[in-house]
Amino acid sequence: MIDICKVYPPNVVALKHVDFSLERGEIHALVGENGAGKSTLMKILSGLIRPSFGEIRMNGQRVQINSPVVAARLGIGMVHQELALVGSLRVYENVVLGSEPSRFGLFQPQKSSQIVKQLAERFGLNVDVNAITQELSVAGRQKVEILKQLYRNVDILILDEPTAALTPQESEELFDEMFRLRDRGKTIVFVSHKLDEVLKISDRITVLRKGEKITTVKNDGSINAAQLAEMMVGKRIELVSIKTRRSAGDPVLVVKDLSLVDRTNGKKLLDGVNLTVHAGEVVGIAGVEGNGQNELIEVLIGLRKPSSGSINILGKDVTSLDLRRRRSFIAYVPQDRKNVGLALKATIMENLIMTHHMNPPLRRKWLLDKSVAKGLASRLIKDFEIVCRSPFEKVQNLSGGNQQKVVVAREISLNRQLIVLDQPTRGLDVASTQYLRDQVLMLRESNKAVLLVSADLDELMDLSDRIYVMRSGRIVAELDPRTVDKTVVGYHMLGVSA
């Protein structure tokens, strides 16, 4: 890729004269902050969008990649973070979908299954090709996506944040698969915010910042995570959160025998959950996604009523309280900031004053005091380092990291004793992630009780005083991060012995 530029109307420059090269049989990491241009560059390479300027050459020949179909013909495929599979189909059916082996126009299921099985064995991808796709783990479904690309005979495989929802064991298995693909001559582009993983598996690393290529370096041990982060951000940032030793205070949240049954099929979504969060501590919830974490949060904040059990906050039984009354006890940062945490078409100020706006001093005789609202918003923008033009800018114009800061600023400013954080750093770049992790520890220091649900085990290990592990809607372990490593947490998540 030579001199690639991409400009969106009215004059938003996403990529500025970027050169990017790939060698046969390498793992090439692509890193940068959110908005640096990583996704745009990979969308151009995979045919999803066209460059405004520049050219692409493959094996010395100039090519025009104007669609994913053309990219596939050229041997380029991409596995997106949001997996695009039909859950009700079997694995082999998903793999061949759109390019099915047929005879006289009729689909050949046995032949398809055999082809996909041989392909999986050839590249060392351990997956049951006859399994129903929706019954697989996230790691299993990811293998199906990789098989889809290999079935189409790709030579360049782009993996976008592939370890975001994997356990340490699943990540290691993925890395082994990537090494096998590389050794068979495949080229892999590894897009990730996890710098330790980048340094562990890549042969070369390209850094983008604000739409420009900063450098491409060989991963020969001469560069570390701190140096990479500095290249990405343009300034030095600390990648370590300092957690002081302290004694936990009184219980703030006490959950007893909490159960939730799906009324449509009788399945237990939560099964006798017991947990406690004290003042001045961060309690983490670990688990492979889909094992009851979402349901637990929905019940805690009042979105769903439990089938049995109790929820006690600050000594008060809140089990029967509705969502609005429950919110007077809980600050909540949802996983889906765009659709749940924010009103994207509203201004930053309007988003920041939500929940505040019903009470003095913002509300006077049923009217909103706009000067007080602007003052509050301006203070929060300053305190939480939200990068914006003014409080009246639409929140949809902000980067993902700054959108998350708006949600966090609003919820922390409510001054609740219990804060529930659901995947607070998912999809954020290095600088935004570190900022939010520091905010979590500041809440802990100010004697707040924090319940942290995260798929990032490094995050849970760094921030939590205790970790509960969920599997199949139950708490299966309570662990002390000071005495176990994340591998042990991963084993409990998977339900296997160390």
Protein backbone atom coordinates (compact mmCIF):
# COMPACT_ATOMS: atom_id res chain seq x y z
CA MET A 1 0.00 0.00 0.00
CA ILE A 2 1.65 3.20 -1.23
CA ASP A 3 0.78 6.81 -0.32
CA ILE A 4 -2.72 5.86 0.87
CA CYS A 5 -5.00 8.79 1.71
CA LYS A 6 -8.63 8.79 2.78
CA VAL A 7 -10.71 11.95 3.16
CA TYR A 8 -14.36 11.98 4.25
CA PRO A 9 -16.72 14.94 3.67
CA PRO A 10 -16.60 17.77 4.50
CA ASN A 11 -12.82 17.57 4.97
CA VAL A 12 -12.10 14.89 7.57
CA VAL A 13 -8.70 13.32 6.90
CA ALA A 14 -8.61 9.72 8.12
CA LEU A 15 -5.33 8.68 6.45
CA LYS A 16 -2.45 10.86 5.29
CA HIS A 17 0.03 9.39 2.81
CA VAL A 18 0.38 6.04 4.56
CA ASP A 19 2.77 3.37 3.27
CA PHE A 20 2.12 -0.15 4.55
CA SER A 21 3.80 -3.32 3.35
CA LEU A 22 3.34 -7.00 4.13
CA GLU A 23 5.75 -9.88 3.63
CA ARG A 24 4.80 -13.46 2.91
CA GLY A 25 4.75 -15.62 6.05
CA GLU A 26 4.77 -12.92 8.74
CA ILE A 27 2.61 -11.74 11.61
CA HIS A 28 2.42 -7.97 11.25
CA ALA A 29 0.88 -6.04 14.15
CA LEU A 30 -0.96 -2.78 13.50
CA VAL A 31 -1.32 -0.52 16.55
CA GLY A 32 -2.53 3.00 17.29
CA GLU A 33 -5.06 4.94 19.32
CA ASN A 34 -8.75 4.91 18.40
CA GLY A 35 -9.09 7.21 15.41
CA ALA A 36 -5.48 6.64 14.33
CA GLY A 37 -6.63 5.09 11.04
CA LYS A 38 -6.13 1.36 11.68
CA SER A 39 -9.68 0.37 10.77
CA THR A 40 -9.74 2.66 7.75
CA LEU A 41 -6.49 1.22 6.40
CA MET A 42 -7.70 -2.37 6.86
CA LYS A 43 -11.10 -1.59 5.33
CA ILE A 44 -9.28 -0.28 2.26
CA LEU A 45 -7.12 -3.42 2.08
CA SER A 46 -10.16 -5.69 2.45
CA GLY A 47 -12.24 -3.79 -0.12
CA LEU A 48 -14.86 -2.35 2.21
CA ILE A 49 -13.99 1.25 1.29
CA ARG A 50 -11.90 2.87 -1.44
CA PRO A 51 -8.94 5.18 -0.85
CA SER A 52 -9.14 8.81 -1.93
CA PHE A 53 -5.59 8.56 -3.24
CA GLY A 54 -2.74 6.07 -3.44
CA GLU A 55 -2.21 2.62 -4.88
CA ILE A 56 -2.05 -1.01 -3.82
CA ARG A 57 0.40 -3.48 -5.31
CA MET A 58 0.45 -7.25 -4.88
CA ASN A 59 3.48 -9.20 -6.04
CA GLY A 60 4.60 -6.09 -7.90
CA GLN A 61 1.35 -5.68 -9.83
CA ARG A 62 -0.99 -2.75 -9.28
CA VAL A 63 -4.47 -3.85 -8.20
CA GLN A 64 -7.79 -2.11 -7.58
CA ILE A 65 -9.62 -3.51 -4.57
CA ASN A 66 -13.08 -2.03 -4.89
CA SER A 67 -15.07 -4.68 -3.00
CA PRO A 68 -14.62 -7.56 -0.54
CA VAL A 69 -15.31 -9.94 -3.45
CA VAL A 70 -12.30 -8.55 -5.33
CA ALA A 71 -10.23 -8.71 -2.13
CA ALA A 72 -11.17 -12.38 -1.70
CA ARG A 73 -10.17 -13.13 -5.30
CA LEU A 74 -6.79 -11.56 -4.53
CA GLY A 75 -6.43 -13.71 -1.42
CA ILE A 76 -7.30 -11.10 1.24
CA GLY A 77 -9.79 -11.80 4.04
CA MET A 78 -10.75 -10.12 7.31
CA VAL A 79 -12.12 -11.51 10.58
CA HIS A 80 -13.97 -8.67 12.28
CA GLN A 81 -14.35 -8.24 16.03
CA GLU A 82 -18.12 -8.65 15.60
CA LEU A 83 -18.32 -12.15 14.15
CA ALA A 84 -20.68 -12.58 11.18
CA LEU A 85 -22.00 -16.12 11.48
CA VAL A 86 -25.43 -17.77 11.23
CA GLY A 87 -25.85 -19.30 14.68
CA SER A 88 -28.38 -21.96 13.67
CA LEU A 89 -26.13 -23.43 10.96
CA ARG A 90 -23.50 -26.09 11.52
CA VAL A 91 -19.85 -25.07 11.44
CA TYR A 92 -19.17 -26.50 7.98
CA GLU A 93 -22.32 -24.82 6.60
CA ASN A 94 -21.11 -21.42 7.82
CA VAL A 95 -17.66 -22.03 6.33
CA VAL A 96 -18.88 -22.87 2.81
CA LEU A 97 -21.84 -20.46 2.81
CA GLY A 98 -21.86 -18.63 -0.51
CA SER A 99 -19.32 -20.99 -2.09
CA GLU A 100 -20.96 -24.36 -1.47
CA PRO A 101 -19.75 -27.53 -3.19
CA SER A 102 -22.62 -28.76 -5.37
CA ARG A 103 -23.51 -31.44 -7.87
CA PHE A 104 -26.13 -30.75 -10.53
CA GLY A 105 -27.00 -27.61 -8.58
CA LEU A 106 -27.63 -29.49 -5.33
CA PHE A 107 -25.77 -28.78 -2.09
CA GLN A 108 -23.54 -31.65 -0.94
CA PRO A 109 -23.48 -31.61 2.88
CA GLN A 110 -21.27 -34.68 3.34
CA LYS A 111 -18.67 -33.45 0.89
CA SER A 112 -18.77 -29.97 2.47
CA SER A 113 -18.28 -31.40 5.95
CA GLN A 114 -15.34 -33.52 4.78
CA ILE A 115 -13.65 -30.59 3.01
CA VAL A 116 -13.96 -28.33 6.05
CA LYS A 117 -12.77 -31.09 8.40
CA GLN A 118 -9.66 -31.66 6.26
CA LEU A 119 -9.04 -27.91 6.15
CA ALA A 120 -9.29 -27.62 9.95
CA GLU A 121 -6.90 -30.54 10.42
CA ARG A 122 -4.44 -29.15 7.90
CA PHE A 123 -4.12 -25.84 9.72
CA GLY A 124 -4.47 -27.23 13.24
CA LEU A 125 -7.82 -25.60 14.05
CA ASN A 126 -9.48 -27.75 16.69
CA VAL A 127 -13.23 -27.42 16.07
CA ASP A 128 -16.10 -29.86 15.52
CA VAL A 129 -17.22 -29.06 11.97
CA ASN A 130 -20.65 -30.65 12.57
CA ALA A 131 -21.42 -28.64 15.73
CA ILE A 132 -24.19 -26.02 15.78
CA THR A 133 -22.34 -22.70 15.58
CA GLN A 134 -24.29 -20.88 18.30
CA GLU A 135 -23.34 -23.60 20.79
CA LEU A 136 -19.62 -22.82 20.41
CA SER A 137 -17.63 -20.51 22.67
CA VAL A 138 -16.42 -17.14 21.37
CA ALA A 139 -13.05 -18.77 20.66
CA GLY A 140 -14.78 -21.58 18.75
CA ARG A 141 -16.81 -19.17 16.63
CA GLN A 142 -13.63 -17.24 15.89
CA LYS A 143 -12.07 -20.43 14.50
CA VAL A 144 -15.09 -20.78 12.22
CA GLU A 145 -14.45 -17.28 10.87
CA ILE A 146 -10.79 -18.13 10.25
CA LEU A 147 -11.83 -21.36 8.50
CA LYS A 148 -14.21 -19.33 6.29
CA GLN A 149 -11.26 -17.30 5.08
CA LEU A 150 -8.96 -20.30 4.64
CA TYR A 151 -11.69 -22.09 2.65
CA ARG A 152 -11.57 -19.14 0.27
CA ASN A 153 -7.80 -19.64 0.04
CA VAL A 154 -6.70 -16.30 1.49
CA ASP A 155 -3.00 -15.52 1.73
CA ILE A 156 -3.48 -12.35 3.80
CA LEU A 157 -5.64 -12.74 6.92
CA ILE A 158 -6.62 -9.62 8.90
CA LEU A 159 -7.59 -10.25 12.54
CA ASP A 160 -9.29 -7.31 14.28
CA GLU A 161 -8.92 -7.44 18.09
CA PRO A 162 -9.18 -11.25 18.07
CA THR A 163 -8.38 -11.77 21.78
CA ALA A 164 -10.80 -9.16 23.17
CA ALA A 165 -13.18 -11.77 24.65
CA LEU A 166 -10.86 -14.77 25.08
CA THR A 167 -9.46 -16.39 28.21
CA PRO A 168 -5.65 -16.63 28.55
CA GLN A 169 -5.80 -20.29 27.49
CA GLU A 170 -7.94 -19.48 24.45
CA SER A 171 -5.60 -16.63 23.50
CA GLU A 172 -2.60 -18.96 23.70
CA GLU A 173 -4.41 -21.47 21.49
CA LEU A 174 -5.15 -18.71 18.97
CA PHE A 175 -1.50 -17.65 18.95
CA ASP A 176 -0.42 -21.24 18.26
CA GLU A 177 -2.88 -21.33 15.35
CA MET A 178 -1.49 -18.04 14.04
CA PHE A 179 2.06 -19.40 14.21
CA ARG A 180 1.00 -22.50 12.24
CA LEU A 181 -0.66 -20.33 9.60
CA ARG A 182 2.46 -18.19 9.35
CA ASP A 183 4.68 -21.24 9.04
CA ARG A 184 2.52 -22.40 6.11
CA GLY A 185 3.16 -19.13 4.30
CA LYS A 186 0.10 -17.14 5.34
CA THR A 187 0.47 -13.46 6.21
CA ILE A 188 -1.47 -12.22 9.24
CA VAL A 189 -2.29 -8.62 10.16
CA PHE A 190 -2.90 -8.50 13.92
CA VAL A 191 -4.84 -5.38 14.97
CA SER A 192 -4.76 -5.00 18.76
CA HIS A 193 -4.61 -2.62 21.72
CA LYS A 194 -2.93 -5.30 23.86
CA LEU A 195 0.71 -4.34 23.55
CA ASP A 196 1.99 -7.32 25.53
CA GLU A 197 0.38 -9.63 22.98
CA VAL A 198 1.69 -7.56 20.08
CA LEU A 199 5.23 -7.90 21.41
CA LYS A 200 4.75 -11.59 22.11
CA ILE A 201 3.67 -12.79 18.66
CA SER A 202 4.45 -10.26 15.93
CA ASP A 203 7.38 -10.21 13.53
CA ARG A 204 6.95 -6.54 12.63
CA ILE A 205 4.90 -3.70 14.11
CA THR A 206 3.45 -0.65 12.36
CA VAL A 207 2.36 2.33 14.48
CA LEU A 208 -0.27 4.81 13.27
CA ARG A 209 -1.08 8.14 14.92
CA LYS A 210 -3.71 10.63 13.78
CA GLY A 211 -3.91 9.09 10.33
CA GLU A 212 -0.17 8.99 9.71
CA LYS A 213 2.33 6.17 9.84
CA ILE A 214 4.86 6.86 12.59
CA THR A 215 7.08 3.84 12.02
CA THR A 216 7.37 0.17 11.15
CA VAL A 217 9.81 -1.72 13.37
CA LYS A 218 11.11 -5.26 13.60
CA ASN A 219 10.03 -6.98 16.79
CA ASP A 220 13.52 -8.15 17.70
CA GLY A 221 13.46 -7.28 21.40
CA SER A 222 14.70 -3.73 20.91
CA ILE A 223 11.33 -2.12 21.74
CA ASN A 224 9.02 -2.41 24.77
CA ALA A 225 5.38 -1.66 25.55
CA ALA A 226 6.11 1.78 27.05
CA GLN A 227 7.99 2.85 23.91
CA LEU A 228 5.19 1.58 21.68
CA ALA A 229 2.59 3.45 23.74
CA GLU A 230 4.63 6.65 23.49
CA MET A 231 4.78 6.31 19.69
CA MET A 232 1.02 5.74 19.56
CA VAL A 233 0.07 8.67 21.79
CA GLY A 234 2.89 11.12 21.08
CA LYS A 235 3.80 11.48 24.72
CA ARG A 236 4.96 9.31 27.57
CA ILE A 237 2.21 7.57 29.54
CA GLU A 238 2.39 5.30 32.54
CA LEU A 239 1.01 1.84 31.79
CA VAL A 240 0.90 0.74 35.43
CA SER A 241 -1.90 1.56 37.89
CA ILE A 242 -0.64 1.79 41.47
CA LYS A 243 -3.04 0.04 43.86
CA THR A 244 -2.31 0.76 47.51
CA ARG A 245 -2.96 -1.80 50.25
CA ARG A 246 -5.99 -0.89 52.31
CA SER A 247 -8.63 -2.53 54.48
CA ALA A 248 -12.15 -2.80 53.11
CA GLY A 249 -14.94 -1.03 54.98
CA ASP A 250 -18.51 -2.02 55.71
CA PRO A 251 -20.56 -3.99 53.16
CA VAL A 252 -22.23 -1.75 50.58
CA LEU A 253 -23.72 -4.42 48.28
CA VAL A 254 -24.87 -7.79 49.59
CA VAL A 255 -26.45 -10.27 47.17
CA LYS A 256 -27.96 -13.46 48.60
CA ASP A 257 -29.18 -16.55 46.72
CA LEU A 258 -30.02 -14.52 43.61
CA SER A 259 -31.65 -16.55 40.85
CA LEU A 260 -33.21 -15.66 37.51
CA VAL A 261 -35.21 -18.08 35.36
CA ASP A 262 -35.99 -17.50 31.69
CA ARG A 263 -39.78 -17.65 31.56
CA THR A 264 -39.80 -18.79 27.93
CA ASN A 265 -37.81 -21.99 28.39
CA GLY A 266 -37.29 -22.43 32.14
CA LYS A 267 -33.51 -22.12 31.85
CA LYS A 268 -31.69 -20.79 34.92
CA LEU A 269 -29.80 -17.66 33.86
CA LEU A 270 -28.64 -16.97 37.44
CA ASP A 271 -28.38 -19.78 39.95
CA GLY A 272 -28.03 -18.94 43.65
CA VAL A 273 -25.56 -16.06 43.27
CA ASN A 274 -24.00 -14.76 46.50
CA LEU A 275 -21.57 -11.85 46.54
CA THR A 276 -20.53 -8.89 48.67
CA VAL A 277 -18.82 -5.61 47.80
CA HIS A 278 -17.41 -3.49 50.64
CA ALA A 279 -16.65 0.20 50.81
CA GLY A 280 -13.16 0.96 49.56
CA GLU A 281 -12.73 -2.14 47.41
CA VAL A 282 -12.97 -3.15 43.77
CA VAL A 283 -14.61 -6.52 43.21
CA GLY A 284 -14.15 -8.05 39.78
CA ILE A 285 -16.48 -10.40 37.92
CA ALA A 286 -14.69 -12.74 35.52
CA GLY A 287 -16.20 -15.28 33.16
CA VAL A 288 -16.43 -16.32 29.56
CA GLU A 289 -19.01 -14.05 27.96
CA GLY A 290 -22.55 -15.37 28.13
CA ASN A 291 -22.27 -17.02 31.54
CA GLY A 292 -24.63 -14.75 33.45
CA GLN A 293 -22.65 -11.52 33.79
CA ASN A 294 -25.13 -9.45 31.75
CA GLU A 295 -28.11 -10.92 33.59
CA LEU A 296 -26.48 -10.22 36.97
CA ILE A 297 -25.99 -6.55 36.11
CA GLU A 298 -29.51 -6.21 34.71
CA VAL A 299 -30.95 -7.59 37.95
CA LEU A 300 -28.67 -5.44 40.14
CA ILE A 301 -29.59 -2.15 38.46
CA GLY A 302 -33.31 -2.99 38.24
CA LEU A 303 -33.78 -3.81 34.55
CA ARG A 304 -34.98 -7.33 35.42
CA LYS A 305 -36.69 -8.78 38.47
CA PRO A 306 -35.03 -11.80 40.06
CA SER A 307 -36.95 -15.06 40.40
CA SER A 308 -35.68 -15.39 43.98
CA GLY A 309 -33.06 -14.01 46.33
CA SER A 310 -32.32 -10.54 47.69
CA ILE A 311 -30.26 -7.43 46.92
CA ASN A 312 -29.22 -5.22 49.82
CA ILE A 313 -27.51 -1.84 49.33
CA LEU A 314 -26.27 0.17 52.33
CA GLY A 315 -28.42 -1.95 54.63
CA LYS A 316 -31.62 -1.44 52.64
CA ASP A 317 -33.40 -4.23 50.76
CA VAL A 318 -33.80 -2.85 47.23
CA THR A 319 -34.92 -6.10 45.56
CA SER A 320 -38.42 -4.81 44.84
CA LEU A 321 -37.41 -1.27 43.81
CA ASP A 322 -37.86 -0.30 40.16
CA LEU A 323 -35.06 1.01 37.92
CA ARG A 324 -35.62 4.70 38.70
CA ARG A 325 -35.58 4.23 42.47
CA ARG A 326 -32.69 1.76 42.28
CA ARG A 327 -30.61 4.40 40.47
CA SER A 328 -30.67 6.57 43.59
CA PHE A 329 -28.29 3.99 45.09
CA ILE A 330 -26.20 2.97 42.07
CA ALA A 331 -23.98 4.66 39.50
CA TYR A 332 -23.81 2.54 36.35
CA VAL A 333 -21.46 2.57 33.35
CA PRO A 334 -22.98 0.23 30.74
CA GLN A 335 -21.08 -1.94 28.29
CA ASP A 336 -22.84 -0.39 25.28
CA ARG A 337 -22.05 3.29 25.69
CA LYS A 338 -23.48 4.31 22.31
CA ASN A 339 -26.93 2.73 22.61
CA VAL A 340 -27.41 2.62 26.40
CA GLY A 341 -25.05 5.10 28.04
CA LEU A 342 -25.45 8.10 25.75
CA ALA A 343 -27.93 10.06 23.69
CA LEU A 344 -25.65 10.42 20.67
CA LYS A 345 -27.56 13.23 18.97
CA ALA A 346 -27.70 15.29 22.17
CA THR A 347 -24.92 17.64 23.28
CA ILE A 348 -22.15 16.81 25.70
CA MET A 349 -23.80 19.08 28.27
CA GLU A 350 -27.17 17.37 27.90
CA ASN A 351 -25.56 13.96 28.38
CA LEU A 352 -23.56 15.12 31.40
CA ILE A 353 -26.56 16.57 33.26
CA MET A 354 -28.84 13.55 32.77
CA THR A 355 -30.07 12.37 36.20
CA HIS A 356 -28.78 15.65 37.72
CA HIS A 357 -31.39 17.68 35.85
CA MET A 358 -34.33 16.68 38.05
CA ASN A 359 -32.80 18.08 41.23
CA PRO A 360 -31.57 21.44 42.58
CA PRO A 361 -29.55 23.45 41.76
CA LEU A 362 -30.12 22.52 38.11
CA ARG A 363 -33.89 22.52 38.43
CA ARG A 364 -35.75 25.55 39.75
CA LYS A 365 -39.55 25.53 39.80
CA TRP A 366 -39.74 22.89 37.04
CA LEU A 367 -37.31 24.82 34.84
CA LEU A 368 -33.74 23.91 33.99
CA ASP A 369 -31.18 26.53 35.02
CA LYS A 370 -29.04 26.55 31.86
CA SER A 371 -26.23 28.60 33.37
CA VAL A 372 -25.83 26.11 36.23
CA ALA A 373 -26.03 23.23 33.75
CA LYS A 374 -23.30 24.75 31.60
CA GLY A 375 -21.14 25.32 34.68
CA LEU A 376 -21.52 21.70 35.79
CA ALA A 377 -20.76 20.40 32.30
CA SER A 378 -17.70 22.64 31.93
CA ARG A 379 -16.35 21.48 35.29
CA LEU A 380 -16.80 17.81 34.40
CA ILE A 381 -15.20 18.32 30.98
CA LYS A 382 -12.17 19.82 32.71
CA ASP A 383 -11.99 17.34 35.59
CA PHE A 384 -12.31 14.27 33.35
CA GLU A 385 -10.15 15.63 30.52
CA ILE A 386 -12.86 15.28 27.87
CA VAL A 387 -11.42 16.51 24.57
CA CYS A 388 -14.09 18.58 22.81
CA ARG A 389 -14.71 21.99 21.26
CA SER A 390 -17.44 23.05 23.71
CA PRO A 391 -20.14 21.64 26.02
CA PHE A 392 -22.59 22.17 23.15
CA GLU A 393 -20.84 19.83 20.73
CA LYS A 394 -22.81 16.71 19.77
CA VAL A 395 -21.55 13.71 21.72
CA GLN A 396 -21.62 11.60 18.53
CA ASN A 397 -18.69 13.67 17.23
CA LEU A 398 -16.38 12.53 20.05
CA SER A 399 -13.93 9.64 19.89
CA GLY A 400 -14.87 6.40 21.66
CA GLY A 401 -12.57 7.22 24.55
CA ASN A 402 -14.08 10.66 25.07
CA GLN A 403 -17.62 9.30 24.78
CA GLN A 404 -16.77 6.86 27.56
CA LYS A 405 -15.35 9.71 29.64
CA VAL A 406 -18.70 11.51 29.32
CA VAL A 407 -20.52 8.46 30.72
CA VAL A 408 -17.98 7.96 33.52
CA ALA A 409 -17.97 11.68 34.42
CA ARG A 410 -21.77 11.76 34.69
CA GLU A 411 -21.99 8.61 36.79
CA ILE A 412 -19.14 9.45 39.17
CA SER A 413 -20.49 12.97 39.68
CA LEU A 414 -23.73 11.45 41.01
CA ASN A 415 -21.69 10.55 44.12
CA ARG A 416 -23.28 7.15 44.66
CA GLN A 417 -21.64 4.77 47.12
CA LEU A 418 -21.91 1.81 44.70
CA ILE A 419 -20.54 2.00 41.15
CA VAL A 420 -21.19 -0.81 38.66
CA LEU A 421 -18.81 -0.84 35.68
CA ASP A 422 -19.59 -3.14 32.75
CA GLN A 423 -16.62 -3.58 30.36
CA PRO A 424 -15.58 0.08 30.93
CA THR A 425 -12.47 -0.03 28.72
CA ARG A 426 -13.69 -2.28 25.90
CA GLY A 427 -12.68 -0.88 22.52
CA LEU A 428 -10.64 1.95 24.02
CA ASP A 429 -7.06 2.80 23.12
CA VAL A 430 -4.08 2.67 25.48
CA ALA A 431 -4.31 6.23 26.82
CA SER A 432 -8.09 6.17 27.41
CA THR A 433 -7.86 2.74 29.02
CA GLN A 434 -5.16 3.86 31.43
CA TYR A 435 -7.11 7.01 32.33
CA LEU A 436 -10.25 5.03 33.17
CA ARG A 437 -8.32 2.44 35.18
CA ASP A 438 -6.84 5.26 37.24
CA GLN A 439 -10.36 6.59 37.81
CA VAL A 440 -11.44 3.19 39.17
CA LEU A 441 -8.61 3.23 41.71
CA MET A 442 -9.47 6.82 42.69
CA LEU A 443 -13.02 5.64 43.45
CA ARG A 444 -11.54 2.90 45.62
CA GLU A 445 -9.37 5.43 47.46
CA SER A 446 -12.42 7.62 48.10
CA ASN A 447 -14.07 4.65 49.86
CA LYS A 448 -16.56 3.81 47.12
CA ALA A 449 -17.64 0.24 46.42
CA VAL A 450 -16.89 -0.77 42.83
CA LEU A 451 -18.23 -3.83 41.00
CA LEU A 452 -16.17 -4.33 37.84
CA VAL A 453 -17.27 -6.72 35.08
CA SER A 454 -14.56 -7.17 32.46
CA ALA A 455 -13.43 -9.66 29.83
CA ASP A 456 -9.89 -8.30 30.21
CA LEU A 457 -8.22 -10.48 32.83
CA ASP A 458 -5.18 -8.21 33.06
CA GLU A 459 -7.54 -5.39 33.99
CA LEU A 460 -9.30 -7.48 36.62
CA MET A 461 -5.99 -8.66 38.10
CA ASP A 462 -4.58 -5.12 38.24
CA LEU A 463 -7.63 -3.39 39.71
CA SER A 464 -9.54 -5.91 41.81
CA ASP A 465 -9.19 -6.70 45.50
CA ARG A 466 -11.24 -9.87 44.99
CA ILE A 467 -12.47 -11.67 41.87
CA TYR A 468 -15.63 -13.75 41.56
CA VAL A 469 -15.68 -16.17 38.61
CA MET A 470 -19.03 -16.86 36.93
CA ARG A 471 -19.86 -19.95 34.91
CA SER A 472 -23.32 -21.10 33.80
CA GLY A 473 -24.99 -18.40 35.90
CA ARG A 474 -23.26 -19.40 39.13
CA ILE A 475 -20.36 -18.08 41.18
CA VAL A 476 -17.86 -20.93 40.93
CA ALA A 477 -14.86 -19.32 42.64
CA GLU A 478 -13.77 -16.35 44.74
CA LEU A 479 -10.09 -15.52 44.18
CA ASP A 480 -7.48 -13.15 45.58
CA PRO A 481 -5.43 -11.57 42.73
CA ARG A 482 -2.44 -11.35 45.08
CA THR A 483 -2.23 -15.13 45.45
CA VAL A 484 -3.24 -16.44 41.98
CA ASP A 485 -2.27 -15.57 38.42
CA LYS A 486 -4.64 -15.01 35.51
CA THR A 487 -4.05 -18.54 34.23
CA VAL A 488 -5.79 -19.90 37.34
CA VAL A 489 -8.68 -17.50 36.76
CA GLY A 490 -8.89 -18.75 33.18
CA TYR A 491 -9.08 -22.38 34.29
CA HIS A 492 -12.01 -21.57 36.60
CA MET A 493 -13.73 -19.70 33.75
CA LEU A 494 -13.42 -22.74 31.50
CA GLY A 495 -14.27 -25.25 34.24
CA VAL A 496 -11.11 -27.31 33.78
CA SER A 497 -8.37 -28.40 36.17
CA ALA A 498 -4.98 -26.70 36.16
